[in-house]
Amino acid sequence: MKKHPVMNQYLKTLQLFLVNLMTVRAGLYIKQKPSNLKKQ
């Protein structure tokens, strides 16, 4: 199976996007957790 440059670039971009998305979600979760505990 030959790797196409366009497909390879797409996969790299998708991977970076997923990593950034998970990092942002983790950051938001960590920020929200203390405030949620304080409310309770």
C-alpha atoms as a PDB file:
ATOM      1  CA  MET A   1       0.000   0.000   0.000  1.00  0.00           C
ATOM      2  CA  LYS A   2       1.626   3.220  -1.167  1.00  0.00           C
ATOM      3  CA  LYS A   3       1.266   6.281   1.012  1.00  0.00           C
ATOM      4  CA  HIS A   4      -0.103   9.280  -0.837  1.00  0.00           C
ATOM      5  CA  PRO A   5       1.402  12.647   0.235  1.00  0.00           C
ATOM      6  CA  VAL A   6      -2.053  14.226   0.495  1.00  0.00           C
ATOM      7  CA  MET A   7      -3.435  11.390   2.611  1.00  0.00           C
ATOM      8  CA  ASN A   8      -0.322  11.392   4.802  1.00  0.00           C
ATOM      9  CA  GLN A   9      -0.657  15.158   5.353  1.00  0.00           C
ATOM     10  CA  TYR A  10      -4.360  14.713   6.117  1.00  0.00           C
ATOM     11  CA  LEU A  11      -3.635  12.044   8.718  1.00  0.00           C
ATOM     12  CA  LYS A  12      -0.960  14.209  10.348  1.00  0.00           C
ATOM     13  CA  THR A  13      -3.356  17.164  10.509  1.00  0.00           C
ATOM     14  CA  LEU A  14      -6.139  14.961  11.871  1.00  0.00           C
ATOM     15  CA  GLN A  15      -3.822  13.531  14.522  1.00  0.00           C
ATOM     16  CA  LEU A  16      -2.706  17.000  15.618  1.00  0.00           C
ATOM     17  CA  PHE A  17      -6.335  18.130  15.728  1.00  0.00           C
ATOM     18  CA  LEU A  18      -7.335  15.174  17.914  1.00  0.00           C
ATOM     19  CA  VAL A  19      -4.399  15.725  20.279  1.00  0.00           C
ATOM     20  CA  ASN A  20      -5.256  19.429  20.596  1.00  0.00           C
ATOM     21  CA  LEU A  21      -8.932  18.634  21.123  1.00  0.00           C
ATOM     22  CA  MET A  22      -8.163  16.129  23.885  1.00  0.00           C
ATOM     23  CA  THR A  23      -5.744  18.554  25.530  1.00  0.00           C
ATOM     24  CA  VAL A  24      -8.326  21.345  25.492  1.00  0.00           C
ATOM     25  CA  ARG A  25     -11.053  19.060  26.858  1.00  0.00           C
ATOM     26  CA  ALA A  26      -8.737  17.812  29.607  1.00  0.00           C
ATOM     27  CA  GLY A  27      -7.826  21.404  30.485  1.00  0.00           C
ATOM     28  CA  LEU A  28     -11.473  22.439  30.625  1.00  0.00           C
ATOM     29  CA  TYR A  29     -12.348  19.403  32.743  1.00  0.00           C
ATOM     30  CA  ILE A  30      -9.569  20.197  35.214  1.00  0.00           C
ATOM     31  CA  LYS A  31     -10.661  23.861  35.373  1.00  0.00           C
ATOM     32  CA  GLN A  32     -14.341  22.996  35.860  1.00  0.00           C
ATOM     33  CA  LYS A  33     -13.820  20.279  38.479  1.00  0.00           C
ATOM     34  CA  PRO A  34     -12.838  22.563  41.396  1.00  0.00           C
ATOM     35  CA  SER A  35     -15.700  24.979  40.676  1.00  0.00           C
ATOM     36  CA  ASN A  36     -18.156  22.071  40.540  1.00  0.00           C
ATOM     37  CA  LEU A  37     -16.901  20.816  43.906  1.00  0.00           C
ATOM     38  CA  LYS A  38     -17.225  24.296  45.413  1.00  0.00           C
ATOM     39  CA  LYS A  39     -20.841  24.592  44.228  1.00  0.00           C
ATOM     40  CA  GLN A  40     -21.730  21.351  45.972  1.00  0.00           C
END
